[in-house]
Amino acid sequence: MKRSDRVFDALHTLRNRYMLCQLASKATRKFHKPNTRIQETMNEVLERIASSERQSVLAEPENFAEAQRRAA
């Protein structure tokens, strides 16, 4: 499966592209294991987002609001 397909699937869970990009980058950094390809970690993160419920992805709204303030 191509990464664009994974991104499209993840957009069904998290409709805001900006939020998806932020979440995927943070999760990729958190879940990445040394001596593995970062591309594989990113693919795994996108698959996890796509297979999750929207509410579980946004389970910590106060942390998300704080992250948005820092990014702005």
Protein backbone atom coordinates (compact mmCIF):
# COMPACT_ATOMS: atom_id res chain seq x y z
CA MET A 1 0.00 0.00 0.00
CA LYS A 2 1.35 3.44 -0.93
CA ARG A 3 1.79 6.16 1.69
CA SER A 4 -0.75 8.38 -0.06
CA ASP A 5 -3.34 5.64 0.47
CA ARG A 6 -2.42 5.49 4.15
CA VAL A 7 -2.76 9.27 4.46
CA PHE A 8 -6.15 9.16 2.73
CA ASP A 9 -7.33 6.43 5.13
CA ALA A 10 -6.06 8.42 8.13
CA LEU A 11 -7.98 11.48 6.92
CA HIS A 12 -11.21 9.56 7.50
CA THR A 13 -10.35 9.47 11.20
CA LEU A 14 -8.76 12.90 11.53
CA ARG A 15 -10.28 15.20 8.92
CA ASN A 16 -8.07 18.23 9.57
CA ARG A 17 -4.89 17.82 7.51
CA TYR A 18 -2.91 20.15 9.77
CA MET A 19 -3.83 18.13 12.87
CA LEU A 20 -3.02 14.90 11.05
CA CYS A 21 0.41 16.19 10.07
CA GLN A 22 1.20 17.34 13.62
CA LEU A 23 -0.05 14.12 15.20
CA ALA A 24 1.76 11.88 12.71
CA SER A 25 5.07 13.71 13.13
CA LYS A 26 4.92 13.64 16.94
CA ALA A 27 3.90 9.97 17.00
CA THR A 28 6.61 9.05 14.51
CA ARG A 29 9.25 10.66 16.71
CA LYS A 30 7.84 8.95 19.80
CA PHE A 31 7.50 5.43 18.32
CA HIS A 32 10.63 5.37 16.17
CA LYS A 33 13.15 2.71 17.16
CA PRO A 34 16.86 3.10 16.43
CA ASN A 35 18.22 1.08 13.51
CA THR A 36 14.86 0.99 11.74
CA ARG A 37 13.68 2.99 8.75
CA ILE A 38 11.76 6.15 9.66
CA GLN A 39 9.51 5.51 6.65
CA GLU A 40 8.32 2.24 8.18
CA THR A 41 7.59 3.95 11.49
CA MET A 42 5.60 6.66 9.71
CA ASN A 43 3.62 4.07 7.75
CA GLU A 44 2.81 2.25 10.99
CA VAL A 45 1.67 5.48 12.66
CA LEU A 46 -0.60 6.35 9.74
CA GLU A 47 -2.10 2.85 9.84
CA ARG A 48 -2.74 3.18 13.58
CA ILE A 49 -4.47 6.53 13.09
CA ALA A 50 -6.57 5.14 10.24
CA SER A 51 -7.69 2.14 12.31
CA SER A 52 -8.49 4.19 15.44
CA GLU A 53 -11.68 5.84 16.53
CA ARG A 54 -11.71 9.63 16.20
CA GLN A 55 -12.42 10.10 19.93
CA SER A 56 -9.46 7.96 20.99
CA VAL A 57 -7.11 9.92 18.73
CA LEU A 58 -8.26 13.19 20.28
CA ALA A 59 -8.44 11.83 23.84
CA GLU A 60 -6.36 14.66 25.32
CA PRO A 61 -7.89 17.91 24.05
CA GLU A 62 -6.05 20.13 26.56
CA ASN A 63 -2.69 18.88 25.27
CA PHE A 64 -3.82 19.41 21.70
CA ALA A 65 -4.92 22.99 22.43
CA GLU A 66 -1.55 23.70 24.04
CA ALA A 67 0.29 22.22 21.05
CA GLN A 68 -1.72 24.39 18.68
CA ARG A 69 -0.87 27.53 20.67
CA ARG A 70 2.84 26.71 20.55
CA ALA A 71 2.70 25.99 16.81
CA ALA A 72 0.91 29.24 16.00
